């Protein structure tokens, strides 16, 4: 089954805040959750993002970049 996730900009522009309603094939990016948490409008929203983080971590649907992912990212973003 193919998996999908959203970039932070999609979550913000479409006002996606209730990740409990996402399909089973949805995977959450740790980077996206970190950005959403950092920009949370209040303490309540921040805490909800932290709960989502722990839930996705618990059920192994959290995508966490490793060192090789970051090196690949730098190569993609490099402008020669």
Protein backbone atom coordinates (compact mmCIF):
# COMPACT_ATOMS: atom_id res chain seq x y z
CA UNK A 1 0.00 0.00 0.00
CA UNK A 2 1.46 3.41 -0.91
CA UNK A 3 1.95 5.85 1.93
CA UNK A 4 1.64 9.62 1.87
CA UNK A 5 2.40 12.63 4.02
CA UNK A 6 2.01 16.40 3.69
CA UNK A 7 4.48 19.24 3.81
CA UNK A 8 3.99 21.86 6.54
CA UNK A 9 2.72 24.40 4.02
CA UNK A 10 -0.10 22.04 2.98
CA UNK A 11 -1.12 21.46 6.60
CA UNK A 12 -1.23 25.21 7.22
CA UNK A 13 -2.96 26.24 3.99
CA UNK A 14 -5.63 23.53 4.28
CA UNK A 15 -5.95 24.02 8.04
CA UNK A 16 -5.20 20.37 8.74
CA UNK A 17 -5.11 20.15 12.52
CA UNK A 18 -6.98 16.95 13.37
CA UNK A 19 -4.57 14.27 12.29
CA UNK A 20 -6.71 11.59 13.95
CA UNK A 21 -8.99 11.76 10.90
CA UNK A 22 -6.22 10.88 8.44
CA UNK A 23 -6.39 7.58 6.51
CA UNK A 24 -4.39 4.60 7.74
CA UNK A 25 -1.89 5.05 4.89
CA UNK A 26 -0.90 8.50 6.21
CA UNK A 27 2.59 8.92 7.66
CA UNK A 28 3.62 11.96 9.66
CA UNK A 29 6.92 13.73 9.18
CA UNK A 30 8.79 14.60 12.39
CA UNK A 31 10.02 17.75 10.65
CA UNK A 32 6.47 18.86 9.81
CA UNK A 33 5.28 18.23 13.38
CA UNK A 34 8.27 20.15 14.74
CA UNK A 35 7.46 23.13 12.50
CA UNK A 36 3.77 23.04 13.41
CA UNK A 37 4.62 22.79 17.12
CA UNK A 38 7.05 25.71 16.91
CA UNK A 39 4.37 27.85 15.25
CA UNK A 40 1.43 26.73 17.40
CA UNK A 41 -1.00 29.53 18.16
CA UNK A 42 -1.28 28.60 21.83
CA UNK A 43 -0.24 26.11 24.52
CA UNK A 44 -3.25 23.88 23.89
CA UNK A 45 -2.41 23.45 20.20
CA UNK A 46 1.25 22.85 21.05
CA UNK A 47 0.30 20.09 23.46
CA UNK A 48 -1.98 18.48 20.87
CA UNK A 49 0.90 18.38 18.37
CA UNK A 50 3.09 16.76 21.02
CA UNK A 51 0.38 14.13 21.61
CA UNK A 52 0.23 13.45 17.85
CA UNK A 53 4.02 13.11 17.81
CA UNK A 54 3.94 10.49 20.56
CA UNK A 55 1.05 8.62 18.92
CA UNK A 56 2.73 8.47 15.49
CA UNK A 57 5.96 7.44 17.18
CA UNK A 58 4.17 4.68 19.08
CA UNK A 59 2.49 3.19 16.01
CA UNK A 60 5.62 3.52 13.82
CA UNK A 61 4.05 5.94 11.36
CA UNK A 62 6.42 8.82 12.17
CA UNK A 63 9.02 9.56 9.51
CA UNK A 64 12.23 10.72 11.17
CA UNK A 65 15.08 11.77 8.88
CA UNK A 66 18.49 10.28 9.59
CA UNK A 67 21.94 11.56 8.68
CA UNK A 68 21.83 10.10 5.17
CA UNK A 69 18.46 11.77 4.54
CA UNK A 70 19.92 15.16 5.46
CA UNK A 71 22.94 14.67 3.20
CA UNK A 72 20.63 13.76 0.30
CA UNK A 73 18.55 16.85 1.07
CA UNK A 74 21.61 19.06 0.91
CA UNK A 75 22.52 17.58 -2.49
CA UNK A 76 19.01 18.22 -3.81
CA UNK A 77 19.06 21.82 -2.54
CA UNK A 78 22.62 22.55 -3.71
CA UNK A 79 22.69 25.14 -6.48
CA UNK A 80 25.74 24.96 -8.71
